[in-house]
Amino acid sequence: MKIKSSTLDDGKLVVLEPKGSLVGGDETDELKKTVASLLDSGNRKLIVDLGDVEYLNSSAIGALVSAHTSYLNRQGKLILCNVNKSITNVFVVTKLSTIFTTAEKREDAIYAIAK
């Protein structure tokens, strides 16, 4: 899987768009490597658009929690958007809904991260 990446705001904001299922294989490793590369290059604003993600497991949740923590530790922001109902339910049950900042639409996430 290739994670689509877009940059906005003169490269200061990156939007990642994983697709399919994130279940701890190559796709989750790719997400981790992409996030690490972004952080190493100085990025401090990341939106992860989950609109095309059908399913994620504990490995993917761990990758997202790690990314969130890494951004916070570097005074950055990470926002998830277009999270489907089943993934939202997982976040609610695991109490991660209190950790992650989420937005319904990408436009809302862009607005929120710009503050």
PDB file of N, CA and C in Angstrom:
ATOM      1  N   MET A   1       0.846  -1.174   0.000  1.00  0.00           N
ATOM      2  CA  MET A   1       0.000   0.000   0.000  1.00  0.00           C
ATOM      3  C   MET A   1       0.886   1.230   0.000  1.00  0.00           C
ATOM      4  N   LYS A   2       0.503   2.189  -0.738  1.00  0.00           N
ATOM      5  CA  LYS A   2       1.189   3.466  -0.763  1.00  0.00           C
ATOM      6  C   LYS A   2       0.272   4.483  -0.087  1.00  0.00           C
ATOM      7  N   ILE A   3       0.767   5.126   0.943  1.00  0.00           N
ATOM      8  CA  ILE A   3      -0.018   6.144   1.636  1.00  0.00           C
ATOM      9  C   ILE A   3       0.096   7.435   0.858  1.00  0.00           C
ATOM     10  N   LYS A   4      -1.036   7.960   0.448  1.00  0.00           N
ATOM     11  CA  LYS A   4      -1.053   9.227  -0.285  1.00  0.00           C
ATOM     12  C   LYS A   4      -0.747  10.349   0.695  1.00  0.00           C
ATOM     13  N   SER A   5       0.060  11.282   0.237  1.00  0.00           N
ATOM     14  CA  SER A   5       0.475  12.402   1.066  1.00  0.00           C
ATOM     15  C   SER A   5       0.266  13.702   0.304  1.00  0.00           C
ATOM     16  N   SER A   6      -0.295  14.695   0.975  1.00  0.00           N
ATOM     17  CA  SER A   6      -0.481  16.029   0.392  1.00  0.00           C
ATOM     18  C   SER A   6       0.097  17.051   1.356  1.00  0.00           C
ATOM     19  N   THR A   7       0.623  18.138   0.809  1.00  0.00           N
ATOM     20  CA  THR A   7       1.115  19.208   1.662  1.00  0.00           C
ATOM     21  C   THR A   7       0.327  20.478   1.387  1.00  0.00           C
ATOM     22  N   LEU A   8       0.098  21.218   2.443  1.00  0.00           N
ATOM     23  CA  LEU A   8      -0.621  22.489   2.374  1.00  0.00           C
ATOM     24  C   LEU A   8       0.144  23.525   3.187  1.00  0.00           C
ATOM     25  N   ASP A   9      -0.262  24.763   3.069  1.00  0.00           N
ATOM     26  CA  ASP A   9       0.319  25.842   3.864  1.00  0.00           C
ATOM     27  C   ASP A   9       1.839  25.885   3.708  1.00  0.00           C
ATOM     28  N   ASP A  10       2.278  25.940   2.449  1.00  0.00           N
ATOM     29  CA  ASP A  10       3.712  25.996   2.126  1.00  0.00           C
ATOM     30  C   ASP A  10       4.507  24.858   2.767  1.00  0.00           C
ATOM     31  N   GLY A  11       3.908  23.678   2.801  1.00  0.00           N
ATOM     32  CA  GLY A  11       4.596  22.505   3.321  1.00  0.00           C
ATOM     33  C   GLY A  11       4.545  22.330   4.822  1.00  0.00           C
ATOM     34  N   LYS A  12       3.912  23.260   5.522  1.00  0.00           N
ATOM     35  CA  LYS A  12       3.860  23.175   6.984  1.00  0.00           C
ATOM     36  C   LYS A  12       2.831  22.161   7.477  1.00  0.00           C
ATOM     37  N   LEU A  13       1.845  21.867   6.651  1.00  0.00           N
ATOM     38  CA  LEU A  13       0.779  20.926   7.009  1.00  0.00           C
ATOM     39  C   LEU A  13       0.797  19.763   6.036  1.00  0.00           C
ATOM     40  N   VAL A  14       0.796  18.550   6.576  1.00  0.00           N
ATOM     41  CA  VAL A  14       0.773  17.347   5.747  1.00  0.00           C
ATOM     42  C   VAL A  14      -0.501  16.574   6.040  1.00  0.00           C
ATOM     43  N   VAL A  15      -1.117  16.068   4.978  1.00  0.00           N
ATOM     44  CA  VAL A  15      -2.295  15.210   5.093  1.00  0.00           C
ATOM     45  C   VAL A  15      -1.908  13.827   4.572  1.00  0.00           C
ATOM     46  N   LEU A  16      -2.060  12.824   5.413  1.00  0.00           N
ATOM     47  CA  LEU A  16      -1.812  11.437   5.009  1.00  0.00           C
ATOM     48  C   LEU A  16      -3.140  10.740   4.797  1.00  0.00           C
ATOM     49  N   GLU A  17      -3.206   9.929   3.737  1.00  0.00           N
ATOM     50  CA  GLU A  17      -4.429   9.197   3.421  1.00  0.00           C
ATOM     51  C   GLU A  17      -4.142   7.710   3.248  1.00  0.00           C
ATOM     52  N   PRO A  18      -4.127   6.963   4.358  1.00  0.00           N
ATOM     53  CA  PRO A  18      -3.996   5.515   4.216  1.00  0.00           C
ATOM     54  C   PRO A  18      -5.277   4.932   3.635  1.00  0.00           C
ATOM     55  N   LYS A  19      -5.190   3.760   3.019  1.00  0.00           N
ATOM     56  CA  LYS A  19      -6.361   3.126   2.417  1.00  0.00           C
ATOM     57  C   LYS A  19      -6.442   1.663   2.813  1.00  0.00           C
ATOM     58  N   GLY A  20      -7.661   1.143   2.835  1.00  0.00           N
ATOM     59  CA  GLY A  20      -7.872  -0.276   3.103  1.00  0.00           C
ATOM     60  C   GLY A  20      -7.904  -0.577   4.583  1.00  0.00           C
ATOM     61  N   SER A  21      -7.248  -1.640   4.964  1.00  0.00           N
ATOM     62  CA  SER A  21      -7.200  -2.067   6.361  1.00  0.00           C
ATOM     63  C   SER A  21      -5.802  -1.871   6.913  1.00  0.00           C
ATOM     64  N   LEU A  22      -5.739  -1.342   8.112  1.00  0.00           N
ATOM     65  CA  LEU A  22      -4.464  -1.196   8.818  1.00  0.00           C
ATOM     66  C   LEU A  22      -4.447  -2.283   9.897  1.00  0.00           C
ATOM     67  N   VAL A  23      -3.732  -3.366   9.619  1.00  0.00           N
ATOM     68  CA  VAL A  23      -3.794  -4.514  10.517  1.00  0.00           C
ATOM     69  C   VAL A  23      -2.416  -4.998  10.976  1.00  0.00           C
ATOM     70  N   GLY A  24      -1.449  -4.117  11.002  1.00  0.00           N
ATOM     71  CA  GLY A  24      -0.161  -4.474  11.567  1.00  0.00           C
ATOM     72  C   GLY A  24       0.854  -5.024  10.587  1.00  0.00           C
ATOM     73  N   GLY A  25       0.560  -5.030   9.320  1.00  0.00           N
ATOM     74  CA  GLY A  25       1.508  -5.513   8.324  1.00  0.00           C
ATOM     75  C   GLY A  25       2.291  -4.377   7.711  1.00  0.00           C
ATOM     76  N   ASP A  26       2.595  -4.537   6.434  1.00  0.00           N
ATOM     77  CA  ASP A  26       3.378  -3.538   5.708  1.00  0.00           C
ATOM     78  C   ASP A  26       2.738  -2.166   5.729  1.00  0.00           C
ATOM     79  N   GLU A  27       1.404  -2.124   5.675  1.00  0.00           N
ATOM     80  CA  GLU A  27       0.712  -0.830   5.632  1.00  0.00           C
ATOM     81  C   GLU A  27       0.900  -0.058   6.936  1.00  0.00           C
ATOM     82  N   THR A  28       0.908  -0.750   8.062  1.00  0.00           N
ATOM     83  CA  THR A  28       1.127  -0.074   9.344  1.00  0.00           C
ATOM     84  C   THR A  28       2.582   0.346   9.475  1.00  0.00           C
ATOM     85  N   ASP A  29       3.504  -0.497   9.005  1.00  0.00           N
ATOM     86  CA  ASP A  29       4.922  -0.126   9.006  1.00  0.00           C
ATOM     87  C   ASP A  29       5.153   1.107   8.140  1.00  0.00           C
ATOM     88  N   GLU A  30       4.474   1.164   7.005  1.00  0.00           N
ATOM     89  CA  GLU A  30       4.599   2.322   6.119  1.00  0.00           C
ATOM     90  C   GLU A  30       4.100   3.590   6.812  1.00  0.00           C
ATOM     91  N   LEU A  31       3.000   3.472   7.536  1.00  0.00           N
ATOM     92  CA  LEU A  31       2.474   4.619   8.274  1.00  0.00           C
ATOM     93  C   LEU A  31       3.486   5.088   9.311  1.00  0.00           C
ATOM     94  N   LYS A  32       4.060   4.162  10.068  1.00  0.00           N
ATOM     95  CA  LYS A  32       5.053   4.518  11.087  1.00  0.00           C
ATOM     96  C   LYS A  32       6.269   5.208  10.464  1.00  0.00           C
ATOM     97  N   LYS A  33       6.767   4.635   9.367  1.00  0.00           N
ATOM     98  CA  LYS A  33       7.946   5.202   8.700  1.00  0.00           C
ATOM     99  C   LYS A  33       7.647   6.581   8.128  1.00  0.00           C
ATOM    100  N   THR A  34       6.469   6.749   7.568  1.00  0.00           N
ATOM    101  CA  THR A  34       6.089   8.046   6.999  1.00  0.00           C
ATOM    102  C   THR A  34       6.018   9.102   8.083  1.00  0.00           C
ATOM    103  N   VAL A  35       5.396   8.762   9.209  1.00  0.00           N
ATOM    104  CA  VAL A  35       5.294   9.707  10.325  1.00  0.00           C
ATOM    105  C   VAL A  35       6.679  10.053  10.860  1.00  0.00           C
ATOM    106  N   ALA A  36       7.529   9.045  11.032  1.00  0.00           N
ATOM    107  CA  ALA A  36       8.891   9.293  11.527  1.00  0.00           C
ATOM    108  C   ALA A  36       9.658  10.205  10.581  1.00  0.00           C
ATOM    109  N   SER A  37       9.514   9.981   9.295  1.00  0.00           N
ATOM    110  CA  SER A  37      10.183  10.815   8.297  1.00  0.00           C
ATOM    111  C   SER A  37       9.683  12.251   8.345  1.00  0.00           C
ATOM    112  N   LEU A  38       8.382  12.412   8.498  1.00  0.00           N
ATOM    113  CA  LEU A  38       7.809  13.762   8.592  1.00  0.00           C
ATOM    114  C   LEU A  38       8.349  14.492   9.816  1.00  0.00           C
ATOM    115  N   LEU A  39       8.375  13.803  10.948  1.00  0.00           N
ATOM    116  CA  LEU A  39       8.893  14.418  12.168  1.00  0.00           C
ATOM    117  C   LEU A  39      10.367  14.788  12.015  1.00  0.00           C
ATOM    118  N   ASP A  40      11.145  13.890  11.422  1.00  0.00           N
ATOM    119  CA  ASP A  40      12.575  14.158  11.213  1.00  0.00           C
ATOM    120  C   ASP A  40      12.806  15.360  10.306  1.00  0.00           C
ATOM    121  N   SER A  41      11.871  15.586   9.384  1.00  0.00           N
ATOM    122  CA  SER A  41      12.017  16.722   8.469  1.00  0.00           C
ATOM    123  C   SER A  41      11.482  18.020   9.074  1.00  0.00           C
ATOM    124  N   GLY A  42      10.972  17.951  10.304  1.00  0.00           N
ATOM    125  CA  GLY A  42      10.530  19.162  10.984  1.00  0.00           C
ATOM    126  C   GLY A  42       9.038  19.435  10.928  1.00  0.00           C
ATOM    127  N   ASN A  43       8.269  18.536  10.349  1.00  0.00           N
ATOM    128  CA  ASN A  43       6.817  18.748  10.280  1.00  0.00           C
ATOM    129  C   ASN A  43       6.221  18.752  11.678  1.00  0.00           C
ATOM    130  N   ARG A  44       5.292  19.681  11.923  1.00  0.00           N
ATOM    131  CA  ARG A  44       4.643  19.779  13.227  1.00  0.00           C
ATOM    132  C   ARG A  44       3.113  19.786  13.128  1.00  0.00           C
ATOM    133  N   LYS A  45       2.573  19.676  11.912  1.00  0.00           N
ATOM    134  CA  LYS A  45       1.117  19.651  11.732  1.00  0.00           C
ATOM    135  C   LYS A  45       0.757  18.507  10.791  1.00  0.00           C
ATOM    136  N   LEU A  46       0.034  17.520  11.334  1.00  0.00           N
ATOM    137  CA  LEU A  46      -0.309  16.343  10.555  1.00  0.00           C
ATOM    138  C   LEU A  46      -1.797  16.029  10.691  1.00  0.00           C
ATOM    139  N   ILE A  47      -2.425  15.796   9.561  1.00  0.00           N
ATOM    140  CA  ILE A  47      -3.800  15.302   9.525  1.00  0.00           C
ATOM    141  C   ILE A  47      -3.747  13.906   8.923  1.00  0.00           C
ATOM    142  N   VAL A  48      -4.373  12.949   9.591  1.00  0.00           N
ATOM    143  CA  VAL A  48      -4.492  11.596   9.061  1.00  0.00           C
ATOM    144  C   VAL A  48      -5.958  11.408   8.671  1.00  0.00           C
ATOM    145  N   ASP A  49      -6.192  11.341   7.374  1.00  0.00           N
ATOM    146  CA  ASP A  49      -7.544  11.189   6.831  1.00  0.00           C
ATOM    147  C   ASP A  49      -7.850   9.696   6.738  1.00  0.00           C
ATOM    148  N   LEU A  50      -8.742   9.229   7.595  1.00  0.00           N
ATOM    149  CA  LEU A  50      -9.084   7.811   7.655  1.00  0.00           C
ATOM    150  C   LEU A  50     -10.321   7.469   6.827  1.00  0.00           C
ATOM    151  N   GLY A  51     -10.698   8.336   5.925  1.00  0.00           N
ATOM    152  CA  GLY A  51     -11.898   8.136   5.118  1.00  0.00           C
ATOM    153  C   GLY A  51     -11.891   6.872   4.280  1.00  0.00           C
ATOM    154  N   ASP A  52     -10.718   6.407   3.863  1.00  0.00           N
ATOM    155  CA  ASP A  52     -10.623   5.193   3.045  1.00  0.00           C
ATOM    156  C   ASP A  52     -10.098   3.995   3.834  1.00  0.00           C
ATOM    157  N   VAL A  53     -10.078   4.127   5.155  1.00  0.00           N
ATOM    158  CA  VAL A  53      -9.653   3.007   6.001  1.00  0.00           C
ATOM    159  C   VAL A  53     -10.901   2.274   6.477  1.00  0.00           C
ATOM    160  N   GLU A  54     -10.967   0.996   6.132  1.00  0.00           N
ATOM    161  CA  GLU A  54     -12.130   0.187   6.470  1.00  0.00           C
ATOM    162  C   GLU A  54     -12.034  -0.398   7.866  1.00  0.00           C
ATOM    163  N   TYR A  55     -10.815  -0.724   8.273  1.00  0.00           N
ATOM    164  CA  TYR A  55     -10.625  -1.447   9.528  1.00  0.00           C
ATOM    165  C   TYR A  55      -9.225  -1.160  10.043  1.00  0.00           C
ATOM    166  N   LEU A  56      -9.098  -1.118  11.364  1.00  0.00           N
ATOM    167  CA  LEU A  56      -7.767  -1.067  11.958  1.00  0.00           C
ATOM    168  C   LEU A  56      -7.754  -1.930  13.205  1.00  0.00           C
ATOM    169  N   ASN A  57      -6.592  -2.493  13.495  1.00  0.00           N
ATOM    170  CA  ASN A  57      -6.477  -3.338  14.683  1.00  0.00           C
ATOM    171  C   ASN A  57      -5.589  -2.665  15.721  1.00  0.00           C
ATOM    172  N   SER A  58      -5.224  -3.412  16.754  1.00  0.00           N
ATOM    173  CA  SER A  58      -4.456  -2.832  17.848  1.00  0.00           C
ATOM    174  C   SER A  58      -3.075  -2.333  17.404  1.00  0.00           C
ATOM    175  N   SER A  59      -2.484  -2.983  16.419  1.00  0.00           N
ATOM    176  CA  SER A  59      -1.176  -2.518  15.921  1.00  0.00           C
ATOM    177  C   SER A  59      -1.298  -1.143  15.284  1.00  0.00           C
ATOM    178  N   ALA A  60      -2.344  -0.954  14.496  1.00  0.00           N
ATOM    179  CA  ALA A  60      -2.571   0.343  13.856  1.00  0.00           C
ATOM    180  C   ALA A  60      -2.926   1.402  14.892  1.00  0.00           C
ATOM    181  N   ILE A  61      -3.726   1.019  15.872  1.00  0.00           N
ATOM    182  CA  ILE A  61      -4.058   1.963  16.947  1.00  0.00           C
ATOM    183  C   ILE A  61      -2.775   2.367  17.665  1.00  0.00           C
ATOM    184  N   GLY A  62      -1.899   1.399  17.911  1.00  0.00           N
ATOM    185  CA  GLY A  62      -0.612   1.704  18.542  1.00  0.00           C
ATOM    186  C   GLY A  62       0.214   2.664  17.716  1.00  0.00           C
ATOM    187  N   ALA A  63       0.204   2.484  16.392  1.00  0.00           N
ATOM    188  CA  ALA A  63       0.949   3.388  15.507  1.00  0.00           C
ATOM    189  C   ALA A  63       0.378   4.799  15.574  1.00  0.00           C
ATOM    190  N   LEU A  64      -0.941   4.913  15.622  1.00  0.00           N
ATOM    191  CA  LEU A  64      -1.575   6.238  15.708  1.00  0.00           C
ATOM    192  C   LEU A  64      -1.312   6.886  17.064  1.00  0.00           C
ATOM    193  N   VAL A  65      -1.357   6.108  18.133  1.00  0.00           N
ATOM    194  CA  VAL A  65      -1.062   6.646  19.468  1.00  0.00           C
ATOM    195  C   VAL A  65       0.396   7.111  19.528  1.00  0.00           C
ATOM    196  N   SER A  66       1.290   6.320  18.968  1.00  0.00           N
ATOM    197  CA  SER A  66       2.704   6.688  18.940  1.00  0.00           C
ATOM    198  C   SER A  66       2.923   7.976  18.154  1.00  0.00           C
ATOM    199  N   ALA A  67       2.262   8.085  17.003  1.00  0.00           N
ATOM    200  CA  ALA A  67       2.370   9.299  16.189  1.00  0.00           C
ATOM    201  C   ALA A  67       1.843  10.504  16.963  1.00  0.00           C
ATOM    202  N   HIS A  68       0.707  10.334  17.609  1.00  0.00           N
ATOM    203  CA  HIS A  68       0.095  11.414  18.400  1.00  0.00           C
ATOM    204  C   HIS A  68       1.058  11.871  19.500  1.00  0.00           C
ATOM    205  N   THR A  69       1.632  10.908  20.215  1.00  0.00           N
ATOM    206  CA  THR A  69       2.562  11.226  21.299  1.00  0.00           C
ATOM    207  C   THR A  69       3.805  11.930  20.773  1.00  0.00           C
ATOM    208  N   SER A  70       4.328  11.443  19.657  1.00  0.00           N
ATOM    209  CA  SER A  70       5.529  12.060  19.068  1.00  0.00           C
ATOM    210  C   SER A  70       5.268  13.501  18.663  1.00  0.00           C
ATOM    211  N   TYR A  71       4.112  13.752  18.072  1.00  0.00           N
ATOM    212  CA  TYR A  71       3.779  15.126  17.691  1.00  0.00           C
ATOM    213  C   TYR A  71       3.604  16.008  18.918  1.00  0.00           C
ATOM    214  N   LEU A  72       2.925  15.518  19.941  1.00  0.00           N
ATOM    215  CA  LEU A  72       2.758  16.308  21.165  1.00  0.00           C
ATOM    216  C   LEU A  72       4.098  16.627  21.813  1.00  0.00           C
ATOM    217  N   ASN A  73       4.987  15.641  21.854  1.00  0.00           N
ATOM    218  CA  ASN A  73       6.301  15.842  22.472  1.00  0.00           C
ATOM    219  C   ASN A  73       7.140  16.874  21.730  1.00  0.00           C
ATOM    220  N   ARG A  74       6.809  17.120  20.483  1.00  0.00           N
ATOM    221  CA  ARG A  74       7.548  18.117  19.686  1.00  0.00           C
ATOM    222  C   ARG A  74       6.713  19.371  19.452  1.00  0.00           C
ATOM    223  N   GLN A  75       5.768  19.615  20.340  1.00  0.00           N
ATOM    224  CA  GLN A  75       4.885  20.777  20.272  1.00  0.00           C
ATOM    225  C   GLN A  75       4.121  20.848  18.945  1.00  0.00           C
ATOM    226  N   GLY A  76       3.783  19.696  18.421  1.00  0.00           N
ATOM    227  CA  GLY A  76       3.028  19.629  17.173  1.00  0.00           C
ATOM    228  C   GLY A  76       1.590  19.231  17.413  1.00  0.00           C
ATOM    229  N   LYS A  77       0.864  19.079  16.315  1.00  0.00           N
ATOM    230  CA  LYS A  77      -0.547  18.684  16.381  1.00  0.00           C
ATOM    231  C   LYS A  77      -0.807  17.574  15.380  1.00  0.00           C
ATOM    232  N   LEU A  78      -1.622  16.616  15.793  1.00  0.00           N
ATOM    233  CA  LEU A  78      -2.086  15.554  14.918  1.00  0.00           C
ATOM    234  C   LEU A  78      -3.600  15.475  15.059  1.00  0.00           C
ATOM    235  N   ILE A  79      -4.288  15.509  13.935  1.00  0.00           N
ATOM    236  CA  ILE A  79      -5.748  15.418  13.936  1.00  0.00           C
ATOM    237  C   ILE A  79      -6.161  14.299  12.989  1.00  0.00           C
ATOM    238  N   LEU A  80      -7.116  13.498  13.428  1.00  0.00           N
ATOM    239  CA  LEU A  80      -7.704  12.458  12.588  1.00  0.00           C
ATOM    240  C   LEU A  80      -9.006  12.997  12.003  1.00  0.00           C
ATOM    241  N   CYS A  81      -9.277  12.655  10.742  1.00  0.00           N
ATOM    242  CA  CYS A  81     -10.540  13.089  10.154  1.00  0.00           C
ATOM    243  C   CYS A  81     -11.165  11.979   9.332  1.00  0.00           C
ATOM    244  N   ASN A  82     -12.434  12.171   9.019  1.00  0.00           N
ATOM    245  CA  ASN A  82     -13.211  11.200   8.236  1.00  0.00           C
ATOM    246  C   ASN A  82     -13.161   9.807   8.853  1.00  0.00           C
ATOM    247  N   VAL A  83     -13.277   9.748  10.164  1.00  0.00           N
ATOM    248  CA  VAL A  83     -13.222   8.474  10.880  1.00  0.00           C
ATOM    249  C   VAL A  83     -14.600   7.813  10.783  1.00  0.00           C
ATOM    250  N   ASN A  84     -14.625   6.574  10.256  1.00  0.00           N
ATOM    251  CA  ASN A  84     -15.924   5.919  10.096  1.00  0.00           C
ATOM    252  C   ASN A  84     -16.497   5.491  11.448  1.00  0.00           C
ATOM    253  N   LYS A  85     -17.754   5.097  11.419  1.00  0.00           N
ATOM    254  CA  LYS A  85     -18.478   4.799  12.656  1.00  0.00           C
ATOM    255  C   LYS A  85     -17.858   3.642  13.443  1.00  0.00           C
ATOM    256  N   SER A  86     -17.420   2.589  12.766  1.00  0.00           N
ATOM    257  CA  SER A  86     -16.865   1.442  13.498  1.00  0.00           C
ATOM    258  C   SER A  86     -15.533   1.803  14.171  1.00  0.00           C
ATOM    259  N   ILE A  87     -14.716   2.600  13.496  1.00  0.00           N
ATOM    260  CA  ILE A  87     -13.450   3.029  14.112  1.00  0.00           C
ATOM    261  C   ILE A  87     -13.730   4.002  15.252  1.00  0.00           C
ATOM    262  N   THR A  88     -14.697   4.880  15.073  1.00  0.00           N
ATOM    263  CA  THR A  88     -15.092   5.790  16.152  1.00  0.00           C
ATOM    264  C   THR A  88     -15.530   4.994  17.373  1.00  0.00           C
ATOM    265  N   ASN A  89     -16.298   3.940  17.158  1.00  0.00           N
ATOM    266  CA  ASN A  89     -16.741   3.097  18.272  1.00  0.00           C
ATOM    267  C   ASN A  89     -15.557   2.468  19.001  1.00  0.00           C
ATOM    268  N   VAL A  90     -14.552   2.023  18.254  1.00  0.00           N
ATOM    269  CA  VAL A  90     -13.345   1.468  18.881  1.00  0.00           C
ATOM    270  C   VAL A  90     -12.671   2.530  19.738  1.00  0.00           C
ATOM    271  N   PHE A  91     -12.573   3.754  19.221  1.00  0.00           N
ATOM    272  CA  PHE A  91     -11.952   4.837  19.982  1.00  0.00           C
ATOM    273  C   PHE A  91     -12.747   5.149  21.248  1.00  0.00           C
ATOM    274  N   VAL A  92     -14.066   5.088  21.174  1.00  0.00           N
ATOM    275  CA  VAL A  92     -14.898   5.363  22.342  1.00  0.00           C
ATOM    276  C   VAL A  92     -14.719   4.263  23.387  1.00  0.00           C
ATOM    277  N   VAL A  93     -14.790   3.005  22.965  1.00  0.00           N
ATOM    278  CA  VAL A  93     -14.670   1.876  23.889  1.00  0.00           C
ATOM    279  C   VAL A  93     -13.299   1.868  24.570  1.00  0.00           C
ATOM    280  N   THR A  94     -12.257   2.191  23.832  1.00  0.00           N
ATOM    281  CA  THR A  94     -10.902   2.179  24.384  1.00  0.00           C
ATOM    282  C   THR A  94     -10.521   3.498  25.066  1.00  0.00           C
ATOM    283  N   LYS A  95     -11.443   4.431  25.083  1.00  0.00           N
ATOM    284  CA  LYS A  95     -11.232   5.767  25.674  1.00  0.00           C
ATOM    285  C   LYS A  95     -10.234   6.613  24.894  1.00  0.00           C
ATOM    286  N   LEU A  96      -9.851   6.166  23.697  1.00  0.00           N
ATOM    287  CA  LEU A  96      -8.941   6.959  22.870  1.00  0.00           C
ATOM    288  C   LEU A  96      -9.630   8.187  22.293  1.00  0.00           C
ATOM    289  N   SER A  97     -10.938   8.205  22.348  1.00  0.00           N
ATOM    290  CA  SER A  97     -11.674   9.388  21.883  1.00  0.00           C
ATOM    291  C   SER A  97     -11.350  10.599  22.755  1.00  0.00           C
ATOM    292  N   THR A  98     -10.858  10.350  23.966  1.00  0.00           N
ATOM    293  CA  THR A  98     -10.464  11.458  24.839  1.00  0.00           C
ATOM    294  C   THR A  98      -9.027  11.905  24.562  1.00  0.00           C
ATOM    295  N   ILE A  99      -8.291  11.110  23.797  1.00  0.00           N
ATOM    296  CA  ILE A  99      -6.893  11.410  23.488  1.00  0.00           C
ATOM    297  C   ILE A  99      -6.756  12.092  22.125  1.00  0.00           C
ATOM    298  N   PHE A 100      -7.375  11.472  21.111  1.00  0.00           N
ATOM    299  CA  PHE A 100      -7.256  11.978  19.748  1.00  0.00           C
ATOM    300  C   PHE A 100      -8.175  13.170  19.508  1.00  0.00           C
ATOM    301  N   THR A 101      -7.661  14.125  18.754  1.00  0.00           N
ATOM    302  CA  THR A 101      -8.502  15.186  18.223  1.00  0.00           C
ATOM    303  C   THR A 101      -9.008  14.693  16.876  1.00  0.00           C
ATOM    304  N   THR A 102     -10.313  14.745  16.694  1.00  0.00           N
ATOM    305  CA  THR A 102     -10.896  14.275  15.441  1.00  0.00           C
ATOM    306  C   THR A 102     -11.763  15.366  14.830  1.00  0.00           C
ATOM    307  N   ALA A 103     -11.943  15.258  13.536  1.00  0.00           N
ATOM    308  CA  ALA A 103     -12.819  16.174  12.799  1.00  0.00           C
ATOM    309  C   ALA A 103     -13.636  15.340  11.824  1.00  0.00           C
ATOM    310  N   GLU A 104     -14.869  15.758  11.600  1.00  0.00           N
ATOM    311  CA  GLU A 104     -15.724  15.012  10.675  1.00  0.00           C
ATOM    312  C   GLU A 104     -15.200  15.052   9.255  1.00  0.00           C
ATOM    313  N   LYS A 105     -14.807  16.243   8.815  1.00  0.00           N
ATOM    314  CA  LYS A 105     -14.358  16.417   7.432  1.00  0.00           C
ATOM    315  C   LYS A 105     -12.938  16.972   7.426  1.00  0.00           C
ATOM    316  N   ARG A 106     -12.267  16.771   6.297  1.00  0.00           N
ATOM    317  CA  ARG A 106     -10.899  17.272   6.161  1.00  0.00           C
ATOM    318  C   ARG A 106     -10.853  18.784   6.329  1.00  0.00           C
ATOM    319  N   GLU A 107     -11.819  19.480   5.772  1.00  0.00           N
ATOM    320  CA  GLU A 107     -11.835  20.945   5.881  1.00  0.00           C
ATOM    321  C   GLU A 107     -11.877  21.388   7.331  1.00  0.00           C
ATOM    322  N   ASP A 108     -12.650  20.663   8.151  1.00  0.00           N
ATOM    323  CA  ASP A 108     -12.738  20.976   9.581  1.00  0.00           C
ATOM    324  C   ASP A 108     -11.390  20.750  10.270  1.00  0.00           C
ATOM    325  N   ALA A 109     -10.704  19.673   9.864  1.00  0.00           N
ATOM    326  CA  ALA A 109      -9.392  19.370  10.448  1.00  0.00           C
ATOM    327  C   ALA A 109      -8.371  20.449  10.078  1.00  0.00           C
ATOM    328  N   ILE A 110      -8.409  20.876   8.823  1.00  0.00           N
ATOM    329  CA  ILE A 110      -7.492  21.925   8.366  1.00  0.00           C
ATOM    330  C   ILE A 110      -7.721  23.210   9.164  1.00  0.00           C
ATOM    331  N   TYR A 111      -8.988  23.554   9.355  1.00  0.00           N
ATOM    332  CA  TYR A 111      -9.325  24.745  10.139  1.00  0.00           C
ATOM    333  C   TYR A 111      -8.822  24.595  11.586  1.00  0.00           C
ATOM    334  N   ALA A 112      -9.068  23.430  12.194  1.00  0.00           N
ATOM    335  CA  ALA A 112      -8.701  23.209  13.585  1.00  0.00           C
ATOM    336  C   ALA A 112      -7.198  23.208  13.802  1.00  0.00           C
ATOM    337  N   ILE A 113      -6.453  22.651  12.871  1.00  0.00           N
ATOM    338  CA  ILE A 113      -5.010  22.552  13.039  1.00  0.00           C
ATOM    339  C   ILE A 113      -4.321  23.905  12.783  1.00  0.00           C
ATOM    340  N   ALA A 114      -4.994  24.775  12.075  1.00  0.00           N
ATOM    341  CA  ALA A 114      -4.419  26.092  11.774  1.00  0.00           C
ATOM    342  C   ALA A 114      -4.464  27.031  12.970  1.00  0.00           C
ATOM    343  N   LYS A 115      -5.280  26.720  13.954  1.00  0.00           N
ATOM    344  CA  LYS A 115      -5.403  27.595  15.125  1.00  0.00           C
ATOM    345  C   LYS A 115      -4.137  27.627  15.933  1.00  0.00           C
TER     346      LYS A 115
END
